[in-house]
N, C-alpha and C. Protein backbone atom coordinates (compact mmCIF):
# COMPACT_ATOMS: atom_id res chain seq x y z
N UNK A 1 -22.49 -54.78 -10.54
CA UNK A 1 -22.70 -53.53 -11.23
C UNK A 1 -21.62 -52.54 -10.80
N UNK A 2 -20.99 -51.87 -11.77
CA UNK A 2 -19.92 -50.93 -11.47
C UNK A 2 -20.49 -49.51 -11.50
N UNK A 3 -20.17 -48.73 -10.49
CA UNK A 3 -20.69 -47.35 -10.48
C UNK A 3 -19.97 -46.49 -11.51
N UNK A 4 -20.68 -46.05 -12.50
CA UNK A 4 -20.18 -45.16 -13.53
C UNK A 4 -18.95 -45.67 -14.25
N UNK A 5 -18.83 -46.93 -14.45
CA UNK A 5 -17.86 -47.51 -15.34
C UNK A 5 -16.44 -47.67 -14.88
N UNK A 6 -16.12 -47.78 -13.64
CA UNK A 6 -14.72 -47.97 -13.27
C UNK A 6 -14.56 -48.54 -11.89
N UNK A 7 -13.38 -49.13 -11.66
CA UNK A 7 -13.03 -49.69 -10.37
C UNK A 7 -11.72 -49.11 -9.92
N UNK A 8 -11.43 -49.19 -8.67
CA UNK A 8 -10.13 -48.78 -8.18
C UNK A 8 -10.22 -47.53 -7.31
N UNK A 9 -9.05 -46.93 -7.14
CA UNK A 9 -8.96 -45.80 -6.22
C UNK A 9 -9.58 -44.53 -6.79
N UNK A 10 -9.75 -44.47 -8.12
CA UNK A 10 -10.23 -43.24 -8.73
C UNK A 10 -11.71 -43.31 -9.09
N UNK A 11 -12.47 -44.01 -8.32
CA UNK A 11 -13.90 -44.09 -8.58
C UNK A 11 -14.54 -42.84 -8.02
N UNK A 12 -15.24 -42.12 -8.87
CA UNK A 12 -15.85 -40.86 -8.44
C UNK A 12 -17.35 -41.02 -8.34
N UNK A 13 -17.93 -40.17 -7.54
CA UNK A 13 -19.36 -40.17 -7.37
C UNK A 13 -20.03 -39.75 -8.69
N UNK A 14 -19.45 -38.75 -9.34
CA UNK A 14 -20.01 -38.25 -10.60
C UNK A 14 -18.90 -38.23 -11.65
N UNK A 15 -19.29 -38.31 -12.90
CA UNK A 15 -18.30 -38.30 -13.97
C UNK A 15 -17.69 -36.92 -14.15
N UNK A 16 -16.37 -36.87 -14.31
CA UNK A 16 -15.67 -35.63 -14.64
C UNK A 16 -15.49 -34.70 -13.46
N UNK A 17 -14.39 -34.04 -13.46
CA UNK A 17 -14.12 -33.05 -12.42
C UNK A 17 -14.85 -31.76 -12.75
N UNK A 18 -15.36 -31.11 -11.77
CA UNK A 18 -16.08 -29.87 -11.96
C UNK A 18 -15.50 -28.81 -11.00
N UNK A 19 -15.50 -27.55 -11.44
CA UNK A 19 -15.08 -26.49 -10.51
C UNK A 19 -16.18 -26.25 -9.49
N UNK A 20 -15.82 -25.61 -8.42
CA UNK A 20 -16.82 -25.31 -7.40
C UNK A 20 -17.81 -24.30 -7.97
N UNK A 21 -18.94 -24.19 -7.33
CA UNK A 21 -19.97 -23.27 -7.80
C UNK A 21 -19.46 -21.84 -7.69
N UNK A 22 -19.89 -20.98 -8.56
CA UNK A 22 -19.46 -19.59 -8.54
C UNK A 22 -18.26 -19.39 -9.44
N UNK A 23 -17.59 -18.28 -9.22
CA UNK A 23 -16.42 -17.96 -10.05
C UNK A 23 -15.20 -18.70 -9.57
N UNK A 24 -14.16 -18.68 -10.40
CA UNK A 24 -12.95 -19.41 -10.06
C UNK A 24 -12.00 -18.62 -9.17
N UNK A 25 -12.16 -17.30 -9.07
CA UNK A 25 -11.23 -16.52 -8.26
C UNK A 25 -11.56 -16.65 -6.78
N UNK A 26 -10.62 -16.28 -5.94
CA UNK A 26 -10.86 -16.28 -4.51
C UNK A 26 -11.80 -15.13 -4.18
N UNK A 27 -12.83 -15.41 -3.47
CA UNK A 27 -13.79 -14.37 -3.13
C UNK A 27 -13.25 -13.52 -2.00
N UNK A 28 -13.43 -12.22 -2.14
CA UNK A 28 -13.06 -11.32 -1.06
C UNK A 28 -11.61 -10.90 -1.05
N UNK A 29 -10.79 -11.34 -1.99
CA UNK A 29 -9.38 -10.97 -1.96
C UNK A 29 -9.20 -9.48 -2.19
N UNK A 30 -9.95 -8.93 -3.13
CA UNK A 30 -9.83 -7.50 -3.42
C UNK A 30 -10.38 -6.65 -2.27
N UNK A 31 -11.46 -7.09 -1.68
CA UNK A 31 -12.06 -6.34 -0.57
C UNK A 31 -11.19 -6.37 0.68
N UNK A 32 -10.30 -7.33 0.78
CA UNK A 32 -9.44 -7.44 1.95
C UNK A 32 -8.05 -6.87 1.72
N UNK A 33 -7.90 -6.04 0.70
CA UNK A 33 -6.62 -5.38 0.49
C UNK A 33 -5.54 -6.29 -0.04
N UNK A 34 -5.92 -7.39 -0.67
CA UNK A 34 -4.95 -8.29 -1.25
C UNK A 34 -4.97 -8.14 -2.76
N UNK A 35 -3.82 -8.13 -3.35
CA UNK A 35 -3.74 -8.01 -4.79
C UNK A 35 -2.65 -8.90 -5.32
N UNK A 36 -2.88 -9.49 -6.46
CA UNK A 36 -1.88 -10.39 -7.03
C UNK A 36 -0.86 -9.58 -7.82
N UNK A 37 0.39 -9.71 -7.40
CA UNK A 37 1.50 -9.09 -8.13
C UNK A 37 2.47 -10.20 -8.51
N UNK A 38 3.66 -9.83 -8.92
CA UNK A 38 4.61 -10.84 -9.42
C UNK A 38 4.94 -11.91 -8.38
N UNK A 39 5.03 -11.53 -7.12
CA UNK A 39 5.41 -12.48 -6.09
C UNK A 39 4.25 -13.19 -5.44
N UNK A 40 3.05 -13.02 -5.95
CA UNK A 40 1.88 -13.64 -5.34
C UNK A 40 1.00 -12.57 -4.73
N UNK A 41 0.21 -12.95 -3.74
CA UNK A 41 -0.67 -11.98 -3.08
C UNK A 41 0.16 -11.07 -2.19
N UNK A 42 -0.11 -9.78 -2.25
CA UNK A 42 0.60 -8.83 -1.41
C UNK A 42 -0.29 -7.63 -1.13
N UNK A 43 0.20 -6.77 -0.25
CA UNK A 43 -0.52 -5.60 0.20
C UNK A 43 0.43 -4.42 0.22
N UNK A 44 -0.08 -3.24 -0.09
CA UNK A 44 0.71 -2.02 0.01
C UNK A 44 0.15 -1.14 1.11
N UNK A 45 1.05 -0.57 1.89
CA UNK A 45 0.67 0.40 2.91
C UNK A 45 1.14 1.76 2.40
N UNK A 46 0.19 2.64 2.09
CA UNK A 46 0.50 4.01 1.66
C UNK A 46 0.50 4.86 2.92
N UNK A 47 1.66 5.38 3.30
CA UNK A 47 1.85 6.03 4.59
C UNK A 47 2.03 7.53 4.42
N UNK A 48 1.34 8.29 5.24
CA UNK A 48 1.51 9.74 5.29
C UNK A 48 2.21 10.06 6.60
N UNK A 49 3.33 10.78 6.51
CA UNK A 49 4.09 11.13 7.71
C UNK A 49 4.35 12.64 7.73
N UNK A 50 4.80 13.12 8.88
CA UNK A 50 5.29 14.49 8.92
C UNK A 50 6.77 14.48 8.53
N UNK A 51 7.42 15.64 8.55
CA UNK A 51 8.78 15.69 8.06
C UNK A 51 9.78 15.01 9.00
N UNK A 52 9.37 14.79 10.25
CA UNK A 52 10.23 14.09 11.20
C UNK A 52 10.09 12.58 11.12
N UNK A 53 9.21 12.08 10.27
CA UNK A 53 9.04 10.65 10.11
C UNK A 53 7.99 10.05 11.01
N UNK A 54 7.19 10.87 11.68
CA UNK A 54 6.12 10.36 12.53
C UNK A 54 4.90 10.06 11.66
N UNK A 55 4.39 8.84 11.71
CA UNK A 55 3.23 8.49 10.89
C UNK A 55 1.99 9.28 11.31
N UNK A 56 1.25 9.75 10.32
CA UNK A 56 0.02 10.50 10.56
C UNK A 56 -1.19 9.66 10.17
N UNK A 57 -1.15 9.08 8.97
CA UNK A 57 -2.28 8.30 8.47
C UNK A 57 -1.76 7.28 7.46
N UNK A 58 -2.60 6.29 7.14
CA UNK A 58 -2.21 5.28 6.17
C UNK A 58 -3.44 4.78 5.43
N UNK A 59 -3.19 4.17 4.30
CA UNK A 59 -4.24 3.53 3.49
C UNK A 59 -3.69 2.20 3.02
N UNK A 60 -4.52 1.17 3.00
CA UNK A 60 -4.10 -0.16 2.58
C UNK A 60 -4.78 -0.49 1.25
N UNK A 61 -3.96 -0.91 0.28
CA UNK A 61 -4.48 -1.33 -1.02
C UNK A 61 -3.83 -2.64 -1.41
N UNK A 62 -4.33 -3.23 -2.47
CA UNK A 62 -3.75 -4.46 -2.98
C UNK A 62 -2.37 -4.22 -3.58
N UNK A 63 -1.58 -5.26 -3.68
CA UNK A 63 -0.21 -5.15 -4.15
C UNK A 63 -0.08 -4.80 -5.62
N UNK A 64 -1.14 -5.01 -6.40
CA UNK A 64 -1.06 -4.71 -7.83
C UNK A 64 -1.39 -3.26 -8.12
N UNK A 65 -1.90 -2.53 -7.15
CA UNK A 65 -2.28 -1.14 -7.36
C UNK A 65 -1.03 -0.27 -7.49
N UNK A 66 -1.07 0.66 -8.40
CA UNK A 66 0.04 1.58 -8.60
C UNK A 66 0.03 2.66 -7.52
N UNK A 67 1.17 3.30 -7.34
CA UNK A 67 1.27 4.35 -6.32
C UNK A 67 0.62 5.64 -6.76
N UNK A 68 0.76 6.00 -8.03
CA UNK A 68 0.32 7.31 -8.51
C UNK A 68 -1.17 7.59 -8.28
N UNK A 69 -2.10 6.65 -8.49
CA UNK A 69 -3.51 6.98 -8.25
C UNK A 69 -3.84 7.26 -6.78
N UNK A 70 -3.02 6.78 -5.86
CA UNK A 70 -3.26 7.02 -4.43
C UNK A 70 -2.81 8.41 -4.00
N UNK A 71 -2.09 9.11 -4.86
CA UNK A 71 -1.52 10.39 -4.48
C UNK A 71 -2.59 11.41 -4.10
N UNK A 72 -3.69 11.43 -4.81
CA UNK A 72 -4.72 12.44 -4.54
C UNK A 72 -5.43 12.22 -3.22
N UNK A 73 -5.48 10.98 -2.72
CA UNK A 73 -6.16 10.71 -1.46
C UNK A 73 -5.26 10.89 -0.25
N UNK A 74 -3.95 10.72 -0.40
CA UNK A 74 -3.05 10.78 0.76
C UNK A 74 -3.03 12.14 1.46
N UNK A 75 -2.96 13.29 0.77
CA UNK A 75 -2.95 14.56 1.51
C UNK A 75 -4.22 14.80 2.32
N UNK A 76 -5.33 14.17 1.95
CA UNK A 76 -6.59 14.40 2.66
C UNK A 76 -6.81 13.39 3.79
N UNK A 77 -5.92 12.42 3.96
CA UNK A 77 -6.06 11.45 5.05
C UNK A 77 -5.59 12.07 6.36
N UNK A 78 -6.14 11.59 7.45
CA UNK A 78 -5.67 12.02 8.76
C UNK A 78 -6.23 13.37 9.17
N UNK A 79 -5.51 14.05 10.07
CA UNK A 79 -6.00 15.35 10.57
C UNK A 79 -6.03 16.39 9.45
N UNK A 80 -6.73 17.48 9.72
CA UNK A 80 -6.93 18.51 8.70
C UNK A 80 -5.76 19.49 8.60
N UNK A 81 -4.58 19.07 8.89
CA UNK A 81 -3.40 19.92 8.74
C UNK A 81 -2.99 19.94 7.28
N UNK A 82 -2.96 21.12 6.71
CA UNK A 82 -2.61 21.26 5.29
C UNK A 82 -1.09 21.14 5.15
N UNK A 83 -0.61 20.23 4.29
CA UNK A 83 0.85 20.10 4.13
C UNK A 83 1.42 21.28 3.36
N UNK A 84 2.64 21.68 3.74
CA UNK A 84 3.32 22.76 3.02
C UNK A 84 4.12 22.21 1.86
N UNK A 85 4.55 20.95 1.96
CA UNK A 85 5.30 20.31 0.89
C UNK A 85 4.88 18.84 0.84
N UNK A 86 4.86 18.29 -0.37
CA UNK A 86 4.55 16.89 -0.56
C UNK A 86 5.79 16.24 -1.15
N UNK A 87 6.41 15.35 -0.36
CA UNK A 87 7.64 14.69 -0.79
C UNK A 87 7.29 13.26 -1.18
N UNK A 88 7.63 12.89 -2.41
CA UNK A 88 7.31 11.55 -2.91
C UNK A 88 8.42 11.10 -3.85
N UNK A 89 8.43 9.80 -4.15
CA UNK A 89 9.47 9.27 -5.04
C UNK A 89 9.01 9.31 -6.49
N UNK A 90 9.82 8.74 -7.37
CA UNK A 90 9.58 8.81 -8.81
C UNK A 90 8.30 8.08 -9.24
N UNK A 91 7.80 7.20 -8.42
CA UNK A 91 6.57 6.48 -8.75
C UNK A 91 5.36 7.40 -8.85
N UNK A 92 5.46 8.59 -8.24
CA UNK A 92 4.35 9.54 -8.22
C UNK A 92 4.53 10.63 -9.27
N UNK A 93 5.49 10.50 -10.15
CA UNK A 93 5.80 11.53 -11.13
C UNK A 93 4.72 11.59 -12.21
N UNK A 94 3.93 12.66 -12.19
CA UNK A 94 2.97 12.96 -13.26
C UNK A 94 2.50 14.39 -13.10
N UNK A 95 2.03 14.95 -14.18
CA UNK A 95 1.52 16.33 -14.13
C UNK A 95 0.29 16.42 -13.24
N UNK A 96 -0.55 15.40 -13.28
CA UNK A 96 -1.77 15.41 -12.47
C UNK A 96 -1.44 15.41 -10.98
N UNK A 97 -0.43 14.63 -10.57
CA UNK A 97 -0.05 14.59 -9.15
C UNK A 97 0.55 15.92 -8.71
N UNK A 98 1.35 16.53 -9.56
CA UNK A 98 1.91 17.85 -9.22
C UNK A 98 0.79 18.89 -9.11
N UNK A 99 -0.17 18.84 -10.00
CA UNK A 99 -1.30 19.78 -9.94
C UNK A 99 -2.15 19.54 -8.69
N UNK A 100 -2.31 18.27 -8.30
CA UNK A 100 -3.08 17.95 -7.10
C UNK A 100 -2.37 18.47 -5.84
N UNK A 101 -1.04 18.39 -5.82
CA UNK A 101 -0.29 18.91 -4.69
C UNK A 101 -0.42 20.43 -4.60
N UNK A 102 -0.35 21.09 -5.76
CA UNK A 102 -0.49 22.55 -5.77
C UNK A 102 -1.92 22.97 -5.38
N UNK A 103 -2.92 22.16 -5.74
CA UNK A 103 -4.30 22.46 -5.38
C UNK A 103 -4.50 22.41 -3.86
N UNK A 104 -3.71 21.57 -3.18
CA UNK A 104 -3.78 21.49 -1.71
C UNK A 104 -2.99 22.62 -1.05
N UNK A 105 -2.29 23.42 -1.86
CA UNK A 105 -1.47 24.48 -1.30
C UNK A 105 -0.08 24.02 -0.90
N UNK A 106 0.36 22.91 -1.45
CA UNK A 106 1.66 22.35 -1.10
C UNK A 106 2.60 22.41 -2.30
N UNK A 107 3.88 22.42 -1.99
CA UNK A 107 4.90 22.40 -3.03
C UNK A 107 5.20 20.94 -3.36
N UNK A 108 5.07 20.51 -4.60
CA UNK A 108 5.41 19.11 -4.93
C UNK A 108 6.91 18.93 -5.04
N UNK A 109 7.44 18.00 -4.25
CA UNK A 109 8.86 17.66 -4.29
C UNK A 109 8.94 16.22 -4.79
N UNK A 110 8.81 16.09 -6.11
CA UNK A 110 8.78 14.79 -6.76
C UNK A 110 9.80 14.81 -7.88
N UNK A 111 10.82 13.93 -7.84
CA UNK A 111 11.79 13.93 -8.94
C UNK A 111 11.15 13.41 -10.22
N UNK A 112 11.68 13.83 -11.34
CA UNK A 112 11.14 13.37 -12.62
C UNK A 112 11.78 12.05 -13.00
N UNK A 113 11.05 11.27 -13.75
CA UNK A 113 11.59 10.01 -14.25
C UNK A 113 12.62 10.29 -15.34
N UNK A 114 13.47 9.33 -15.60
CA UNK A 114 14.52 9.52 -16.60
C UNK A 114 13.92 9.72 -17.98
N UNK A 115 12.83 9.02 -18.26
CA UNK A 115 12.23 9.11 -19.59
C UNK A 115 11.07 10.11 -19.65
N UNK A 116 11.03 11.06 -18.72
CA UNK A 116 9.95 12.05 -18.70
C UNK A 116 10.04 12.97 -19.91
N UNK A 117 8.88 13.30 -20.48
CA UNK A 117 8.85 14.15 -21.67
C UNK A 117 9.21 15.59 -21.32
N UNK A 118 8.68 16.09 -20.22
CA UNK A 118 8.98 17.46 -19.79
C UNK A 118 9.51 17.41 -18.36
N UNK A 119 10.82 17.31 -18.19
CA UNK A 119 11.37 17.22 -16.83
C UNK A 119 11.14 18.52 -16.03
N UNK A 120 11.13 18.39 -14.73
CA UNK A 120 10.90 19.51 -13.83
C UNK A 120 12.12 20.43 -13.88
N UNK A 121 11.87 21.73 -13.97
CA UNK A 121 12.99 22.68 -14.03
C UNK A 121 13.61 22.91 -12.67
N UNK A 122 12.77 23.12 -11.66
CA UNK A 122 13.26 23.40 -10.31
C UNK A 122 12.87 22.25 -9.40
N UNK A 123 13.85 21.82 -8.61
CA UNK A 123 13.61 20.67 -7.73
C UNK A 123 14.30 20.93 -6.40
N UNK A 124 13.56 20.85 -5.31
CA UNK A 124 14.11 21.11 -3.97
C UNK A 124 14.81 19.87 -3.45
N UNK A 125 16.10 19.77 -3.71
CA UNK A 125 16.86 18.60 -3.28
C UNK A 125 16.99 18.50 -1.76
N UNK A 126 17.08 19.62 -1.09
CA UNK A 126 17.20 19.61 0.37
C UNK A 126 15.96 19.01 1.02
N UNK A 127 14.78 19.35 0.50
CA UNK A 127 13.55 18.75 1.02
C UNK A 127 13.45 17.28 0.66
N UNK A 128 13.93 16.92 -0.52
CA UNK A 128 13.82 15.53 -0.96
C UNK A 128 14.68 14.61 -0.11
N UNK A 129 15.76 15.12 0.45
CA UNK A 129 16.59 14.29 1.34
C UNK A 129 15.82 13.85 2.57
N UNK A 130 14.78 14.59 2.93
CA UNK A 130 13.95 14.21 4.07
C UNK A 130 13.10 12.99 3.82
N UNK A 131 13.02 12.54 2.57
CA UNK A 131 12.26 11.33 2.26
C UNK A 131 12.83 10.10 2.94
N UNK A 132 14.10 10.16 3.31
CA UNK A 132 14.72 9.04 4.03
C UNK A 132 13.99 8.78 5.34
N UNK A 133 13.48 9.84 5.97
CA UNK A 133 12.74 9.66 7.23
C UNK A 133 11.43 8.90 7.00
N UNK A 134 10.82 9.13 5.84
CA UNK A 134 9.60 8.40 5.51
C UNK A 134 9.92 6.92 5.32
N UNK A 135 10.99 6.64 4.60
CA UNK A 135 11.41 5.25 4.39
C UNK A 135 11.78 4.58 5.71
N UNK A 136 12.37 5.34 6.62
CA UNK A 136 12.71 4.79 7.93
C UNK A 136 11.45 4.48 8.73
N UNK A 137 10.41 5.30 8.59
CA UNK A 137 9.14 5.03 9.27
C UNK A 137 8.51 3.74 8.74
N UNK A 138 8.59 3.53 7.43
CA UNK A 138 8.09 2.28 6.86
C UNK A 138 8.93 1.11 7.36
N UNK A 139 10.23 1.31 7.48
CA UNK A 139 11.10 0.26 8.00
C UNK A 139 10.76 -0.10 9.44
N UNK A 140 10.41 0.89 10.25
CA UNK A 140 10.01 0.61 11.63
C UNK A 140 8.72 -0.21 11.66
N UNK A 141 7.81 0.11 10.74
CA UNK A 141 6.58 -0.68 10.66
C UNK A 141 6.88 -2.13 10.28
N UNK A 142 7.77 -2.31 9.32
CA UNK A 142 8.06 -3.65 8.80
C UNK A 142 8.90 -4.49 9.77
N UNK A 143 9.40 -3.89 10.84
CA UNK A 143 10.12 -4.68 11.84
C UNK A 143 9.18 -5.61 12.59
N UNK A 144 7.92 -5.23 12.66
CA UNK A 144 6.95 -6.11 13.30
C UNK A 144 6.57 -7.20 12.33
N UNK A 145 6.71 -8.43 12.77
CA UNK A 145 6.52 -9.58 11.89
C UNK A 145 5.11 -9.65 11.33
N UNK A 146 4.11 -9.31 12.13
CA UNK A 146 2.72 -9.39 11.67
C UNK A 146 2.45 -8.41 10.53
N UNK A 147 3.14 -7.28 10.54
CA UNK A 147 2.96 -6.28 9.48
C UNK A 147 3.75 -6.69 8.25
N UNK A 148 4.99 -7.12 8.44
CA UNK A 148 5.85 -7.46 7.30
C UNK A 148 5.33 -8.67 6.53
N UNK A 149 4.78 -9.65 7.22
CA UNK A 149 4.34 -10.89 6.57
C UNK A 149 2.84 -10.93 6.29
N UNK A 150 2.12 -9.90 6.68
CA UNK A 150 0.66 -9.84 6.49
C UNK A 150 0.00 -11.11 7.05
N UNK A 151 0.15 -11.27 8.36
CA UNK A 151 -0.40 -12.47 9.02
C UNK A 151 -1.91 -12.40 9.17
N UNK A 152 -2.49 -11.24 9.03
CA UNK A 152 -3.93 -11.11 9.20
C UNK A 152 -4.65 -11.39 7.89
N UNK A 153 -5.80 -12.00 8.00
CA UNK A 153 -6.53 -12.43 6.80
C UNK A 153 -7.40 -11.32 6.23
N UNK A 154 -8.02 -10.52 7.08
CA UNK A 154 -8.93 -9.50 6.59
C UNK A 154 -8.26 -8.12 6.62
N UNK A 155 -8.78 -7.23 5.80
CA UNK A 155 -8.24 -5.88 5.73
C UNK A 155 -8.45 -5.13 7.04
N UNK A 156 -9.59 -5.34 7.67
CA UNK A 156 -9.88 -4.65 8.94
C UNK A 156 -8.89 -5.07 10.03
N UNK A 157 -8.60 -6.36 10.13
CA UNK A 157 -7.65 -6.82 11.14
C UNK A 157 -6.24 -6.33 10.84
N UNK A 158 -5.86 -6.33 9.57
CA UNK A 158 -4.52 -5.86 9.20
C UNK A 158 -4.40 -4.36 9.46
N UNK A 159 -5.46 -3.59 9.17
CA UNK A 159 -5.44 -2.15 9.45
C UNK A 159 -5.37 -1.90 10.96
N UNK A 160 -6.01 -2.74 11.75
CA UNK A 160 -5.96 -2.59 13.20
C UNK A 160 -4.56 -2.82 13.73
N UNK A 161 -3.88 -3.87 13.26
CA UNK A 161 -2.53 -4.12 13.71
C UNK A 161 -1.55 -3.07 13.19
N UNK A 162 -1.81 -2.55 11.99
CA UNK A 162 -0.97 -1.46 11.47
C UNK A 162 -1.14 -0.22 12.33
N UNK A 163 -2.37 0.10 12.71
CA UNK A 163 -2.61 1.26 13.58
C UNK A 163 -1.97 1.06 14.94
N UNK A 164 -2.02 -0.15 15.45
CA UNK A 164 -1.37 -0.46 16.73
C UNK A 164 0.14 -0.28 16.63
N UNK A 165 0.72 -0.72 15.52
CA UNK A 165 2.17 -0.55 15.31
C UNK A 165 2.52 0.93 15.19
N UNK A 166 1.69 1.69 14.48
CA UNK A 166 1.93 3.13 14.35
C UNK A 166 1.82 3.80 15.72
N UNK A 167 0.87 3.36 16.52
CA UNK A 167 0.75 3.89 17.88
C UNK A 167 1.98 3.63 18.72
N UNK A 168 2.55 2.43 18.59
CA UNK A 168 3.77 2.14 19.36
C UNK A 168 4.96 2.98 18.87
N UNK A 169 5.00 3.28 17.57
CA UNK A 169 6.06 4.15 17.05
C UNK A 169 5.89 5.57 17.59
N UNK A 170 4.65 6.05 17.64
CA UNK A 170 4.41 7.39 18.14
C UNK A 170 4.71 7.50 19.62
N UNK A 171 4.44 6.46 20.39
CA UNK A 171 4.76 6.47 21.82
C UNK A 171 6.27 6.57 22.02
N UNK A 172 7.04 5.92 21.18
CA UNK A 172 8.49 6.01 21.28
C UNK A 172 8.95 7.44 20.99
N UNK A 173 8.31 8.14 20.07
CA UNK A 173 8.66 9.53 19.78
C UNK A 173 8.36 10.42 20.98
N UNK A 174 7.24 10.19 21.64
CA UNK A 174 6.83 11.03 22.77
C UNK A 174 7.79 10.86 23.94
N UNK A 175 8.23 9.63 24.21
CA UNK A 175 9.08 9.39 25.35
C UNK A 175 10.55 9.73 25.11
N UNK A 176 10.94 9.89 23.87
CA UNK A 176 12.34 10.26 23.61
C UNK A 176 12.51 11.76 23.40
N UNK A 177 11.42 12.47 23.13
CA UNK A 177 11.53 13.90 22.85
C UNK A 177 11.51 14.73 24.11
């Protein structure tokens, strides 16, 4: 008697391949700050710094999340120091983000996109040059292999190692100043 009609290496216990129980997506990917973008699963670190490039606070989201929706939460992260200016790149260009910055009592220093319908009339270029310090702070974070490659599986562990890396950056500022 042949089990379910076949012999050889491909004899299965039950007929036909079936997916595992539940949904087909990976469970917990969204809750762990992972998001599918063009290059696969990735994570974004939204960093709030002072004008000298010292990290103040951060938020972790999935890689598919856009930057602009995170704008309203970033000024309220970290200590209760009200920012005087909010410096951001073109990814944050929108009327809502500029209004949110003004609501916090800060001057929005956000360049307009090339295809913007109503470009900004006045733009503080001198303040915008300070954005390089923010990019350098992100670069210091990415020098650590665990942060750059997202070696941690859960969002809590990745946030812990990110906080540890930020702490080591801040210690370097204290000892050099």
